[in-house]
Amino acid sequence: MKIDAEHTALFGALNEISDEGLLALSAEGEILSWNAGACALLGMSREQALGKRLDVALCDVRAATALERTRRDGAAQFRWSPPDGRSGKVTIDLRLTADANGATKLVASVRCATSL
């Protein structure tokens, strides 16, 4: 199935209205995309997050370990809570994928841990 501009726009709209945090990352873990749900759940703006490695943005060694596991095993999950306690714990699921050109990428979803 060919993905056209209309489908891309629809997915983009769904991404922005989702309460779940959705992230796209480079193979090295650099944050490429960060939706409104991620802003709310992780307590930082797109501007604060984009271009940083996930483990650096979250200031958490567990994120670095999860990135390594995802590259090795294809998937990983970890729990995180902001150091200042401004929001509750979240669960972050990472998956290995490829973009349309076949380049390795990572995607992540972020959910409130209490809703599990």
PDB file of N, CA and C in Angstrom:
ATOM      1  N   MET A   1       0.849  -1.183   0.000  1.00  0.00           N
ATOM      2  CA  MET A   1       0.000   0.000   0.000  1.00  0.00           C
ATOM      3  C   MET A   1       0.891   1.241   0.000  1.00  0.00           C
ATOM      4  N   LYS A   2       0.594   2.135  -0.894  1.00  0.00           N
ATOM      5  CA  LYS A   2       1.345   3.379  -0.973  1.00  0.00           C
ATOM      6  C   LYS A   2       0.735   4.396  -0.003  1.00  0.00           C
ATOM      7  N   ILE A   3       1.572   5.007   0.789  1.00  0.00           N
ATOM      8  CA  ILE A   3       1.100   6.022   1.731  1.00  0.00           C
ATOM      9  C   ILE A   3       1.174   7.364   1.031  1.00  0.00           C
ATOM     10  N   ASP A   4       0.017   7.997   0.880  1.00  0.00           N
ATOM     11  CA  ASP A   4      -0.002   9.285   0.193  1.00  0.00           C
ATOM     12  C   ASP A   4      -0.121  10.431   1.186  1.00  0.00           C
ATOM     13  N   ALA A   5      -0.112  11.637   0.663  1.00  0.00           N
ATOM     14  CA  ALA A   5      -0.139  12.838   1.504  1.00  0.00           C
ATOM     15  C   ALA A   5      -1.391  12.897   2.375  1.00  0.00           C
ATOM     16  N   GLU A   6      -2.529  12.430   1.858  1.00  0.00           N
ATOM     17  CA  GLU A   6      -3.772  12.457   2.640  1.00  0.00           C
ATOM     18  C   GLU A   6      -3.663  11.561   3.875  1.00  0.00           C
ATOM     19  N   HIS A   7      -3.124  10.341   3.691  1.00  0.00           N
ATOM     20  CA  HIS A   7      -2.958   9.436   4.830  1.00  0.00           C
ATOM     21  C   HIS A   7      -1.954   9.995   5.830  1.00  0.00           C
ATOM     22  N   THR A   8      -0.899  10.597   5.330  1.00  0.00           N
ATOM     23  CA  THR A   8       0.101  11.200   6.204  1.00  0.00           C
ATOM     24  C   THR A   8      -0.517  12.314   7.040  1.00  0.00           C
ATOM     25  N   ALA A   9      -1.343  13.153   6.400  1.00  0.00           N
ATOM     26  CA  ALA A   9      -2.006  14.243   7.123  1.00  0.00           C
ATOM     27  C   ALA A   9      -2.977  13.696   8.161  1.00  0.00           C
ATOM     28  N   LEU A  10      -3.718  12.641   7.820  1.00  0.00           N
ATOM     29  CA  LEU A  10      -4.655  12.041   8.782  1.00  0.00           C
ATOM     30  C   LEU A  10      -3.905  11.470   9.981  1.00  0.00           C
ATOM     31  N   PHE A  11      -2.805  10.774   9.722  1.00  0.00           N
ATOM     32  CA  PHE A  11      -2.024  10.229  10.820  1.00  0.00           C
ATOM     33  C   PHE A  11      -1.466  11.342  11.692  1.00  0.00           C
ATOM     34  N   GLY A  12      -1.015  12.407  11.070  1.00  0.00           N
ATOM     35  CA  GLY A  12      -0.492  13.543  11.828  1.00  0.00           C
ATOM     36  C   GLY A  12      -1.548  14.139  12.746  1.00  0.00           C
ATOM     37  N   ALA A  13      -2.788  14.242  12.247  1.00  0.00           N
ATOM     38  CA  ALA A  13      -3.880  14.773  13.072  1.00  0.00           C
ATOM     39  C   ALA A  13      -4.192  13.829  14.231  1.00  0.00           C
ATOM     40  N   LEU A  14      -4.225  12.534  13.974  1.00  0.00           N
ATOM     41  CA  LEU A  14      -4.457  11.553  15.047  1.00  0.00           C
ATOM     42  C   LEU A  14      -3.353  11.629  16.095  1.00  0.00           C
ATOM     43  N   ASN A  15      -2.141  11.758  15.639  1.00  0.00           N
ATOM     44  CA  ASN A  15      -0.979  11.860  16.522  1.00  0.00           C
ATOM     45  C   ASN A  15      -1.136  13.042  17.479  1.00  0.00           C
ATOM     46  N   GLU A  16      -1.593  14.166  16.968  1.00  0.00           N
ATOM     47  CA  GLU A  16      -1.690  15.369  17.795  1.00  0.00           C
ATOM     48  C   GLU A  16      -2.864  15.354  18.767  1.00  0.00           C
ATOM     49  N   ILE A  17      -3.933  14.620  18.476  1.00  0.00           N
ATOM     50  CA  ILE A  17      -5.063  14.605  19.409  1.00  0.00           C
ATOM     51  C   ILE A  17      -4.978  13.460  20.414  1.00  0.00           C
ATOM     52  N   SER A  18      -4.013  12.591  20.244  1.00  0.00           N
ATOM     53  CA  SER A  18      -3.868  11.453  21.147  1.00  0.00           C
ATOM     54  C   SER A  18      -3.416  11.906  22.533  1.00  0.00           C
ATOM     55  N   ASP A  19      -4.034  11.330  23.569  1.00  0.00           N
ATOM     56  CA  ASP A  19      -3.581  11.566  24.942  1.00  0.00           C
ATOM     57  C   ASP A  19      -2.296  10.796  25.236  1.00  0.00           C
ATOM     58  N   GLU A  20      -2.037   9.758  24.443  1.00  0.00           N
ATOM     59  CA  GLU A  20      -0.825   8.963  24.608  1.00  0.00           C
ATOM     60  C   GLU A  20       0.341   9.728  24.001  1.00  0.00           C
ATOM     61  N   GLY A  21       1.467   9.665  24.658  1.00  0.00           N
ATOM     62  CA  GLY A  21       2.665  10.289  24.111  1.00  0.00           C
ATOM     63  C   GLY A  21       3.225   9.433  22.996  1.00  0.00           C
ATOM     64  N   LEU A  22       3.524  10.049  21.874  1.00  0.00           N
ATOM     65  CA  LEU A  22       4.075   9.344  20.720  1.00  0.00           C
ATOM     66  C   LEU A  22       5.357  10.036  20.296  1.00  0.00           C
ATOM     67  N   LEU A  23       6.422   9.248  20.154  1.00  0.00           N
ATOM     68  CA  LEU A  23       7.733   9.786  19.811  1.00  0.00           C
ATOM     69  C   LEU A  23       8.314   9.019  18.637  1.00  0.00           C
ATOM     70  N   ALA A  24       9.061   9.711  17.809  1.00  0.00           N
ATOM     71  CA  ALA A  24       9.889   9.086  16.778  1.00  0.00           C
ATOM     72  C   ALA A  24      11.325   9.451  17.123  1.00  0.00           C
ATOM     73  N   LEU A  25      12.213   8.454  17.026  1.00  0.00           N
ATOM     74  CA  LEU A  25      13.612   8.658  17.392  1.00  0.00           C
ATOM     75  C   LEU A  25      14.521   8.099  16.309  1.00  0.00           C
ATOM     76  N   SER A  26      15.708   8.650  16.219  1.00  0.00           N
ATOM     77  CA  SER A  26      16.725   8.086  15.330  1.00  0.00           C
ATOM     78  C   SER A  26      17.202   6.766  15.928  1.00  0.00           C
ATOM     79  N   ALA A  27      17.984   6.025  15.164  1.00  0.00           N
ATOM     80  CA  ALA A  27      18.540   4.765  15.661  1.00  0.00           C
ATOM     81  C   ALA A  27      19.412   4.984  16.897  1.00  0.00           C
ATOM     82  N   GLU A  28      19.974   6.190  17.036  1.00  0.00           N
ATOM     83  CA  GLU A  28      20.819   6.516  18.186  1.00  0.00           C
ATOM     84  C   GLU A  28      20.017   7.013  19.377  1.00  0.00           C
ATOM     85  N   GLY A  29      18.701   7.167  19.207  1.00  0.00           N
ATOM     86  CA  GLY A  29      17.864   7.618  20.311  1.00  0.00           C
ATOM     87  C   GLY A  29      17.592   9.106  20.328  1.00  0.00           C
ATOM     88  N   GLU A  30      17.993   9.842  19.273  1.00  0.00           N
ATOM     89  CA  GLU A  30      17.726  11.273  19.192  1.00  0.00           C
ATOM     90  C   GLU A  30      16.240  11.492  18.892  1.00  0.00           C
ATOM     91  N   ILE A  31      15.604  12.375  19.632  1.00  0.00           N
ATOM     92  CA  ILE A  31      14.178  12.636  19.472  1.00  0.00           C
ATOM     93  C   ILE A  31      13.952  13.457  18.204  1.00  0.00           C
ATOM     94  N   LEU A  32      13.155  12.880  17.282  1.00  0.00           N
ATOM     95  CA  LEU A  32      12.846  13.519  16.004  1.00  0.00           C
ATOM     96  C   LEU A  32      11.448  14.120  15.999  1.00  0.00           C
ATOM     97  N   SER A  33      10.539  13.516  16.758  1.00  0.00           N
ATOM     98  CA  SER A  33       9.153  13.967  16.807  1.00  0.00           C
ATOM     99  C   SER A  33       8.606  13.692  18.197  1.00  0.00           C
ATOM    100  N   TRP A  34       7.730  14.588  18.670  1.00  0.00           N
ATOM    101  CA  TRP A  34       7.261  14.558  20.061  1.00  0.00           C
ATOM    102  C   TRP A  34       5.879  15.187  20.050  1.00  0.00           C
ATOM    103  N   ASN A  35       4.822  14.428  20.292  1.00  0.00           N
ATOM    104  CA  ASN A  35       3.475  14.998  20.180  1.00  0.00           C
ATOM    105  C   ASN A  35       3.013  15.668  21.470  1.00  0.00           C
ATOM    106  N   ALA A  36       1.799  16.229  21.424  1.00  0.00           N
ATOM    107  CA  ALA A  36       1.243  16.939  22.583  1.00  0.00           C
ATOM    108  C   ALA A  36       1.083  16.009  23.786  1.00  0.00           C
ATOM    109  N   GLY A  37       0.731  14.748  23.551  1.00  0.00           N
ATOM    110  CA  GLY A  37       0.608  13.786  24.648  1.00  0.00           C
ATOM    111  C   GLY A  37       1.929  13.584  25.371  1.00  0.00           C
ATOM    112  N   ALA A  38       3.021  13.546  24.611  1.00  0.00           N
ATOM    113  CA  ALA A  38       4.353  13.422  25.228  1.00  0.00           C
ATOM    114  C   ALA A  38       4.672  14.660  26.051  1.00  0.00           C
ATOM    115  N   CYS A  39       4.303  15.824  25.535  1.00  0.00           N
ATOM    116  CA  CYS A  39       4.523  17.065  26.292  1.00  0.00           C
ATOM    117  C   CYS A  39       3.834  16.981  27.649  1.00  0.00           C
ATOM    118  N   ALA A  40       2.577  16.559  27.646  1.00  0.00           N
ATOM    119  CA  ALA A  40       1.795  16.507  28.884  1.00  0.00           C
ATOM    120  C   ALA A  40       2.314  15.436  29.840  1.00  0.00           C
ATOM    121  N   LEU A  41       2.595  14.247  29.319  1.00  0.00           N
ATOM    122  CA  LEU A  41       3.002  13.136  30.185  1.00  0.00           C
ATOM    123  C   LEU A  41       4.439  13.245  30.685  1.00  0.00           C
ATOM    124  N   LEU A  42       5.309  13.841  29.882  1.00  0.00           N
ATOM    125  CA  LEU A  42       6.717  13.921  30.256  1.00  0.00           C
ATOM    126  C   LEU A  42       7.121  15.286  30.791  1.00  0.00           C
ATOM    127  N   GLY A  43       6.202  16.242  30.718  1.00  0.00           N
ATOM    128  CA  GLY A  43       6.430  17.536  31.358  1.00  0.00           C
ATOM    129  C   GLY A  43       7.454  18.423  30.695  1.00  0.00           C
ATOM    130  N   MET A  44       7.635  18.281  29.392  1.00  0.00           N
ATOM    131  CA  MET A  44       8.530  19.197  28.695  1.00  0.00           C
ATOM    132  C   MET A  44       7.999  19.469  27.293  1.00  0.00           C
ATOM    133  N   SER A  45       8.356  20.616  26.769  1.00  0.00           N
ATOM    134  CA  SER A  45       7.871  21.031  25.458  1.00  0.00           C
ATOM    135  C   SER A  45       8.648  20.327  24.345  1.00  0.00           C
ATOM    136  N   ARG A  46       8.114  20.417  23.134  1.00  0.00           N
ATOM    137  CA  ARG A  46       8.834  19.907  21.962  1.00  0.00           C
ATOM    138  C   ARG A  46      10.212  20.565  21.859  1.00  0.00           C
ATOM    139  N   GLU A  47      10.220  21.871  22.054  1.00  0.00           N
ATOM    140  CA  GLU A  47      11.472  22.607  21.919  1.00  0.00           C
ATOM    141  C   GLU A  47      12.538  22.104  22.894  1.00  0.00           C
ATOM    142  N   GLN A  48      12.113  21.730  24.084  1.00  0.00           N
ATOM    143  CA  GLN A  48      13.050  21.209  25.080  1.00  0.00           C
ATOM    144  C   GLN A  48      13.544  19.815  24.715  1.00  0.00           C
ATOM    145  N   ALA A  49      12.731  19.039  23.989  1.00  0.00           N
ATOM    146  CA  ALA A  49      13.040  17.638  23.734  1.00  0.00           C
ATOM    147  C   ALA A  49      13.693  17.365  22.384  1.00  0.00           C
ATOM    148  N   LEU A  50      13.229  18.025  21.334  1.00  0.00           N
ATOM    149  CA  LEU A  50      13.699  17.706  19.984  1.00  0.00           C
ATOM    150  C   LEU A  50      15.205  17.865  19.856  1.00  0.00           C
ATOM    151  N   GLY A  51      15.820  16.866  19.217  1.00  0.00           N
ATOM    152  CA  GLY A  51      17.258  16.899  18.983  1.00  0.00           C
ATOM    153  C   GLY A  51      18.090  16.288  20.092  1.00  0.00           C
ATOM    154  N   LYS A  52      17.482  16.049  21.254  1.00  0.00           N
ATOM    155  CA  LYS A  52      18.212  15.427  22.367  1.00  0.00           C
ATOM    156  C   LYS A  52      18.022  13.922  22.322  1.00  0.00           C
ATOM    157  N   ARG A  53      18.996  13.200  22.844  1.00  0.00           N
ATOM    158  CA  ARG A  53      18.793  11.759  23.040  1.00  0.00           C
ATOM    159  C   ARG A  53      17.763  11.578  24.137  1.00  0.00           C
ATOM    160  N   LEU A  54      16.962  10.533  24.034  1.00  0.00           N
ATOM    161  CA  LEU A  54      15.900  10.297  25.004  1.00  0.00           C
ATOM    162  C   LEU A  54      16.445  10.220  26.421  1.00  0.00           C
ATOM    163  N   ASP A  55      17.561   9.520  26.617  1.00  0.00           N
ATOM    164  CA  ASP A  55      18.117   9.389  27.964  1.00  0.00           C
ATOM    165  C   ASP A  55      18.598  10.721  28.518  1.00  0.00           C
ATOM    166  N   VAL A  56      19.074  11.607  27.654  1.00  0.00           N
ATOM    167  CA  VAL A  56      19.517  12.934  28.092  1.00  0.00           C
ATOM    168  C   VAL A  56      18.303  13.801  28.434  1.00  0.00           C
ATOM    169  N   ALA A  57      17.281  13.778  27.576  1.00  0.00           N
ATOM    170  CA  ALA A  57      16.075  14.567  27.825  1.00  0.00           C
ATOM    171  C   ALA A  57      15.418  14.166  29.145  1.00  0.00           C
ATOM    172  N   LEU A  58      15.407  12.858  29.430  1.00  0.00           N
ATOM    173  CA  LEU A  58      14.767  12.369  30.657  1.00  0.00           C
ATOM    174  C   LEU A  58      15.717  12.320  31.844  1.00  0.00           C
ATOM    175  N   CYS A  59      17.015  12.543  31.599  1.00  0.00           N
ATOM    176  CA  CYS A  59      18.022  12.461  32.673  1.00  0.00           C
ATOM    177  C   CYS A  59      17.907  11.145  33.425  1.00  0.00           C
ATOM    178  N   ASP A  60      17.879  10.035  32.670  1.00  0.00           N
ATOM    179  CA  ASP A  60      17.652   8.735  33.297  1.00  0.00           C
ATOM    180  C   ASP A  60      18.464   7.655  32.588  1.00  0.00           C
ATOM    181  N   VAL A  61      19.310   6.967  33.344  1.00  0.00           N
ATOM    182  CA  VAL A  61      20.132   5.895  32.793  1.00  0.00           C
ATOM    183  C   VAL A  61      19.261   4.726  32.328  1.00  0.00           C
ATOM    184  N   ARG A  62      18.066   4.554  32.903  1.00  0.00           N
ATOM    185  CA  ARG A  62      17.181   3.467  32.453  1.00  0.00           C
ATOM    186  C   ARG A  62      16.763   3.669  31.004  1.00  0.00           C
ATOM    187  N   ALA A  63      16.641   4.919  30.576  1.00  0.00           N
ATOM    188  CA  ALA A  63      16.311   5.197  29.174  1.00  0.00           C
ATOM    189  C   ALA A  63      17.455   4.757  28.267  1.00  0.00           C
ATOM    190  N   ALA A  64      18.702   4.996  28.683  1.00  0.00           N
ATOM    191  CA  ALA A  64      19.861   4.558  27.900  1.00  0.00           C
ATOM    192  C   ALA A  64      19.882   3.039  27.785  1.00  0.00           C
ATOM    193  N   THR A  65      19.611   2.359  28.881  1.00  0.00           N
ATOM    194  CA  THR A  65      19.569   0.895  28.878  1.00  0.00           C
ATOM    195  C   THR A  65      18.451   0.400  27.970  1.00  0.00           C
ATOM    196  N   ALA A  66      17.284   1.048  28.025  1.00  0.00           N
ATOM    197  CA  ALA A  66      16.158   0.656  27.177  1.00  0.00           C
ATOM    198  C   ALA A  66      16.474   0.885  25.699  1.00  0.00           C
ATOM    199  N   LEU A  67      17.172   1.976  25.383  1.00  0.00           N
ATOM    200  CA  LEU A  67      17.576   2.214  23.993  1.00  0.00           C
ATOM    201  C   LEU A  67      18.492   1.094  23.504  1.00  0.00           C
ATOM    202  N   GLU A  68      19.456   0.702  24.322  1.00  0.00           N
ATOM    203  CA  GLU A  68      20.368  -0.390  23.962  1.00  0.00           C
ATOM    204  C   GLU A  68      19.601  -1.694  23.759  1.00  0.00           C
ATOM    205  N   ARG A  69      18.684  -2.010  24.682  1.00  0.00           N
ATOM    206  CA  ARG A  69      17.883  -3.247  24.559  1.00  0.00           C
ATOM    207  C   ARG A  69      17.025  -3.223  23.303  1.00  0.00           C
ATOM    208  N   THR A  70      16.462  -2.064  22.973  1.00  0.00           N
ATOM    209  CA  THR A  70      15.621  -1.958  21.781  1.00  0.00           C
ATOM    210  C   THR A  70      16.439  -2.213  20.528  1.00  0.00           C
ATOM    211  N   ARG A  71      17.624  -1.638  20.444  1.00  0.00           N
ATOM    212  CA  ARG A  71      18.475  -1.869  19.274  1.00  0.00           C
ATOM    213  C   ARG A  71      18.887  -3.338  19.182  1.00  0.00           C
ATOM    214  N   ARG A  72      19.095  -3.991  20.315  1.00  0.00           N
ATOM    215  CA  ARG A  72      19.530  -5.388  20.332  1.00  0.00           C
ATOM    216  C   ARG A  72      18.370  -6.357  20.121  1.00  0.00           C
ATOM    217  N   ASP A  73      17.241  -6.125  20.850  1.00  0.00           N
ATOM    218  CA  ASP A  73      16.155  -7.104  20.880  1.00  0.00           C
ATOM    219  C   ASP A  73      14.911  -6.688  20.093  1.00  0.00           C
ATOM    220  N   GLY A  74      14.864  -5.441  19.631  1.00  0.00           N
ATOM    221  CA  GLY A  74      13.712  -4.983  18.857  1.00  0.00           C
ATOM    222  C   GLY A  74      12.654  -4.264  19.666  1.00  0.00           C
ATOM    223  N   ALA A  75      12.703  -4.385  20.997  1.00  0.00           N
ATOM    224  CA  ALA A  75      11.698  -3.729  21.843  1.00  0.00           C
ATOM    225  C   ALA A  75      12.211  -3.652  23.275  1.00  0.00           C
ATOM    226  N   ALA A  76      11.682  -2.690  24.006  1.00  0.00           N
ATOM    227  CA  ALA A  76      12.005  -2.549  25.432  1.00  0.00           C
ATOM    228  C   ALA A  76      10.939  -1.682  26.081  1.00  0.00           C
ATOM    229  N   GLN A  77      10.871  -1.763  27.400  1.00  0.00           N
ATOM    230  CA  GLN A  77       9.913  -0.966  28.163  1.00  0.00           C
ATOM    231  C   GLN A  77      10.577  -0.560  29.475  1.00  0.00           C
ATOM    232  N   PHE A  78      10.234   0.651  29.938  1.00  0.00           N
ATOM    233  CA  PHE A  78      10.700   1.066  31.259  1.00  0.00           C
ATOM    234  C   PHE A  78       9.720   2.071  31.835  1.00  0.00           C
ATOM    235  N   ARG A  79       9.784   2.226  33.150  1.00  0.00           N
ATOM    236  CA  ARG A  79       8.957   3.217  33.848  1.00  0.00           C
ATOM    237  C   ARG A  79       9.809   4.406  34.210  1.00  0.00           C
ATOM    238  N   TRP A  80       9.171   5.572  34.185  1.00  0.00           N
ATOM    239  CA  TRP A  80       9.894   6.815  34.466  1.00  0.00           C
ATOM    240  C   TRP A  80       8.971   7.772  35.197  1.00  0.00           C
ATOM    241  N   SER A  81       9.535   8.540  36.090  1.00  0.00           N
ATOM    242  CA  SER A  81       8.790   9.635  36.717  1.00  0.00           C
ATOM    243  C   SER A  81       9.729  10.833  36.803  1.00  0.00           C
ATOM    244  N   PRO A  82       9.189  12.032  36.594  1.00  0.00           N
ATOM    245  CA  PRO A  82      10.034  13.221  36.623  1.00  0.00           C
ATOM    246  C   PRO A  82      10.690  13.400  37.976  1.00  0.00           C
ATOM    247  N   PRO A  83      11.928  13.821  38.003  1.00  0.00           N
ATOM    248  CA  PRO A  83      12.640  13.983  39.269  1.00  0.00           C
ATOM    249  C   PRO A  83      11.993  14.992  40.207  1.00  0.00           C
ATOM    250  N   ASP A  84      11.299  15.978  39.659  1.00  0.00           N
ATOM    251  CA  ASP A  84      10.680  16.976  40.534  1.00  0.00           C
ATOM    252  C   ASP A  84       9.248  16.607  40.927  1.00  0.00           C
ATOM    253  N   GLY A  85       8.772  15.444  40.474  1.00  0.00           N
ATOM    254  CA  GLY A  85       7.455  14.962  40.876  1.00  0.00           C
ATOM    255  C   GLY A  85       6.286  15.733  40.305  1.00  0.00           C
ATOM    256  N   ARG A  86       6.497  16.483  39.214  1.00  0.00           N
ATOM    257  CA  ARG A  86       5.420  17.311  38.668  1.00  0.00           C
ATOM    258  C   ARG A  86       4.304  16.501  38.013  1.00  0.00           C
ATOM    259  N   SER A  87       4.562  15.264  37.649  1.00  0.00           N
ATOM    260  CA  SER A  87       3.512  14.386  37.128  1.00  0.00           C
ATOM    261  C   SER A  87       3.809  12.976  37.602  1.00  0.00           C
ATOM    262  N   GLY A  88       2.857  12.086  37.418  1.00  0.00           N
ATOM    263  CA  GLY A  88       3.020  10.724  37.910  1.00  0.00           C
ATOM    264  C   GLY A  88       3.920   9.876  37.032  1.00  0.00           C
ATOM    265  N   LYS A  89       4.077   8.611  37.434  1.00  0.00           N
ATOM    266  CA  LYS A  89       4.901   7.677  36.680  1.00  0.00           C
ATOM    267  C   LYS A  89       4.272   7.380  35.322  1.00  0.00           C
ATOM    268  N   VAL A  90       5.138   7.162  34.350  1.00  0.00           N
ATOM    269  CA  VAL A  90       4.696   6.764  33.021  1.00  0.00           C
ATOM    270  C   VAL A  90       5.440   5.498  32.615  1.00  0.00           C
ATOM    271  N   THR A  91       4.834   4.765  31.694  1.00  0.00           N
ATOM    272  CA  THR A  91       5.487   3.620  31.075  1.00  0.00           C
ATOM    273  C   THR A  91       5.841   4.008  29.653  1.00  0.00           C
ATOM    274  N   ILE A  92       7.080   3.755  29.276  1.00  0.00           N
ATOM    275  CA  ILE A  92       7.559   4.084  27.933  1.00  0.00           C
ATOM    276  C   ILE A  92       7.908   2.780  27.226  1.00  0.00           C
ATOM    277  N   ASP A  93       7.232   2.527  26.107  1.00  0.00           N
ATOM    278  CA  ASP A  93       7.481   1.350  25.268  1.00  0.00           C
ATOM    279  C   ASP A  93       8.249   1.797  24.036  1.00  0.00           C
ATOM    280  N   LEU A  94       9.355   1.133  23.758  1.00  0.00           N
ATOM    281  CA  LEU A  94      10.184   1.436  22.588  1.00  0.00           C
ATOM    282  C   LEU A  94      10.136   0.258  21.618  1.00  0.00           C
ATOM    283  N   ARG A  95      10.107   0.562  20.320  1.00  0.00           N
ATOM    284  CA  ARG A  95      10.115  -0.465  19.280  1.00  0.00           C
ATOM    285  C   ARG A  95      11.069  -0.044  18.170  1.00  0.00           C
ATOM    286  N   LEU A  96      11.741  -1.034  17.612  1.00  0.00           N
ATOM    287  CA  LEU A  96      12.621  -0.829  16.475  1.00  0.00           C
ATOM    288  C   LEU A  96      11.775  -0.902  15.208  1.00  0.00           C
ATOM    289  N   THR A  97      12.010  -0.010  14.263  1.00  0.00           N
ATOM    290  CA  THR A  97      11.271  -0.005  13.005  1.00  0.00           C
ATOM    291  C   THR A  97      12.184   0.553  11.921  1.00  0.00           C
ATOM    292  N   ALA A  98      11.630   0.760  10.743  1.00  0.00           N
ATOM    293  CA  ALA A  98      12.384   1.371   9.646  1.00  0.00           C
ATOM    294  C   ALA A  98      11.505   2.406   8.974  1.00  0.00           C
ATOM    295  N   ASP A  99      12.132   3.444   8.449  1.00  0.00           N
ATOM    296  CA  ASP A  99      11.358   4.459   7.728  1.00  0.00           C
ATOM    297  C   ASP A  99      11.111   3.987   6.294  1.00  0.00           C
ATOM    298  N   ALA A 100      10.482   4.823   5.489  1.00  0.00           N
ATOM    299  CA  ALA A 100      10.127   4.462   4.114  1.00  0.00           C
ATOM    300  C   ALA A 100      11.345   4.133   3.259  1.00  0.00           C
ATOM    301  N   ASN A 101      12.503   4.652   3.635  1.00  0.00           N
ATOM    302  CA  ASN A 101      13.735   4.387   2.891  1.00  0.00           C
ATOM    303  C   ASN A 101      14.519   3.204   3.446  1.00  0.00           C
ATOM    304  N   GLY A 102      13.975   2.552   4.471  1.00  0.00           N
ATOM    305  CA  GLY A 102      14.638   1.398   5.054  1.00  0.00           C
ATOM    306  C   GLY A 102      15.629   1.727   6.156  1.00  0.00           C
ATOM    307  N   ALA A 103      15.747   3.013   6.518  1.00  0.00           N
ATOM    308  CA  ALA A 103      16.673   3.402   7.592  1.00  0.00           C
ATOM    309  C   ALA A 103      16.092   3.007   8.945  1.00  0.00           C
ATOM    310  N   THR A 104      16.935   2.508   9.820  1.00  0.00           N
ATOM    311  CA  THR A 104      16.506   2.101  11.158  1.00  0.00           C
ATOM    312  C   THR A 104      16.071   3.312  11.967  1.00  0.00           C
ATOM    313  N   LYS A 105      14.922   3.192  12.604  1.00  0.00           N
ATOM    314  CA  LYS A 105      14.378   4.225  13.485  1.00  0.00           C
ATOM    315  C   LYS A 105      13.797   3.537  14.708  1.00  0.00           C
ATOM    316  N   LEU A 106      13.492   4.335  15.711  1.00  0.00           N
ATOM    317  CA  LEU A 106      12.804   3.850  16.901  1.00  0.00           C
ATOM    318  C   LEU A 106      11.519   4.643  17.055  1.00  0.00           C
ATOM    319  N   VAL A 107      10.492   3.994  17.565  1.00  0.00           N
ATOM    320  CA  VAL A 107       9.264   4.680  17.922  1.00  0.00           C
ATOM    321  C   VAL A 107       8.977   4.372  19.378  1.00  0.00           C
ATOM    322  N   ALA A 108       8.278   5.275  20.033  1.00  0.00           N
ATOM    323  CA  ALA A 108       7.962   5.071  21.447  1.00  0.00           C
ATOM    324  C   ALA A 108       6.557   5.549  21.729  1.00  0.00           C
ATOM    325  N   SER A 109       5.906   4.860  22.655  1.00  0.00           N
ATOM    326  CA  SER A 109       4.629   5.331  23.175  1.00  0.00           C
ATOM    327  C   SER A 109       4.792   5.529  24.674  1.00  0.00           C
ATOM    328  N   VAL A 110       4.106   6.535  25.183  1.00  0.00           N
ATOM    329  CA  VAL A 110       4.187   6.891  26.606  1.00  0.00           C
ATOM    330  C   VAL A 110       2.771   6.894  27.164  1.00  0.00           C
ATOM    331  N   ARG A 111       2.572   6.124  28.242  1.00  0.00           N
ATOM    332  CA  ARG A 111       1.259   6.045  28.889  1.00  0.00           C
ATOM    333  C   ARG A 111       1.413   6.287  30.372  1.00  0.00           C
ATOM    334  N   CYS A 112       0.369   6.800  30.960  1.00  0.00           N
ATOM    335  CA  CYS A 112       0.324   6.959  32.410  1.00  0.00           C
ATOM    336  C   CYS A 112       0.396   5.575  33.020  1.00  0.00           C
ATOM    337  N   ALA A 113       1.324   5.355  33.930  1.00  0.00           N
ATOM    338  CA  ALA A 113       1.524   4.021  34.514  1.00  0.00           C
ATOM    339  C   ALA A 113       0.325   3.603  35.350  1.00  0.00           C
ATOM    340  N   THR A 114      -0.421   4.536  35.901  1.00  0.00           N
ATOM    341  CA  THR A 114      -1.561   4.166  36.735  1.00  0.00           C
ATOM    342  C   THR A 114      -2.745   3.703  35.912  1.00  0.00           C
ATOM    343  N   SER A 115      -2.717   3.930  34.575  1.00  0.00           N
ATOM    344  CA  SER A 115      -3.837   3.497  33.742  1.00  0.00           C
ATOM    345  C   SER A 115      -3.639   2.082  33.214  1.00  0.00           C
ATOM    346  N   LEU A 116      -2.549   1.425  33.595  1.00  0.00           N
ATOM    347  CA  LEU A 116      -2.271   0.083  33.094  1.00  0.00           C
ATOM    348  C   LEU A 116      -3.033  -0.965  33.838  1.00  0.00           C
TER     349      LEU A 116
END
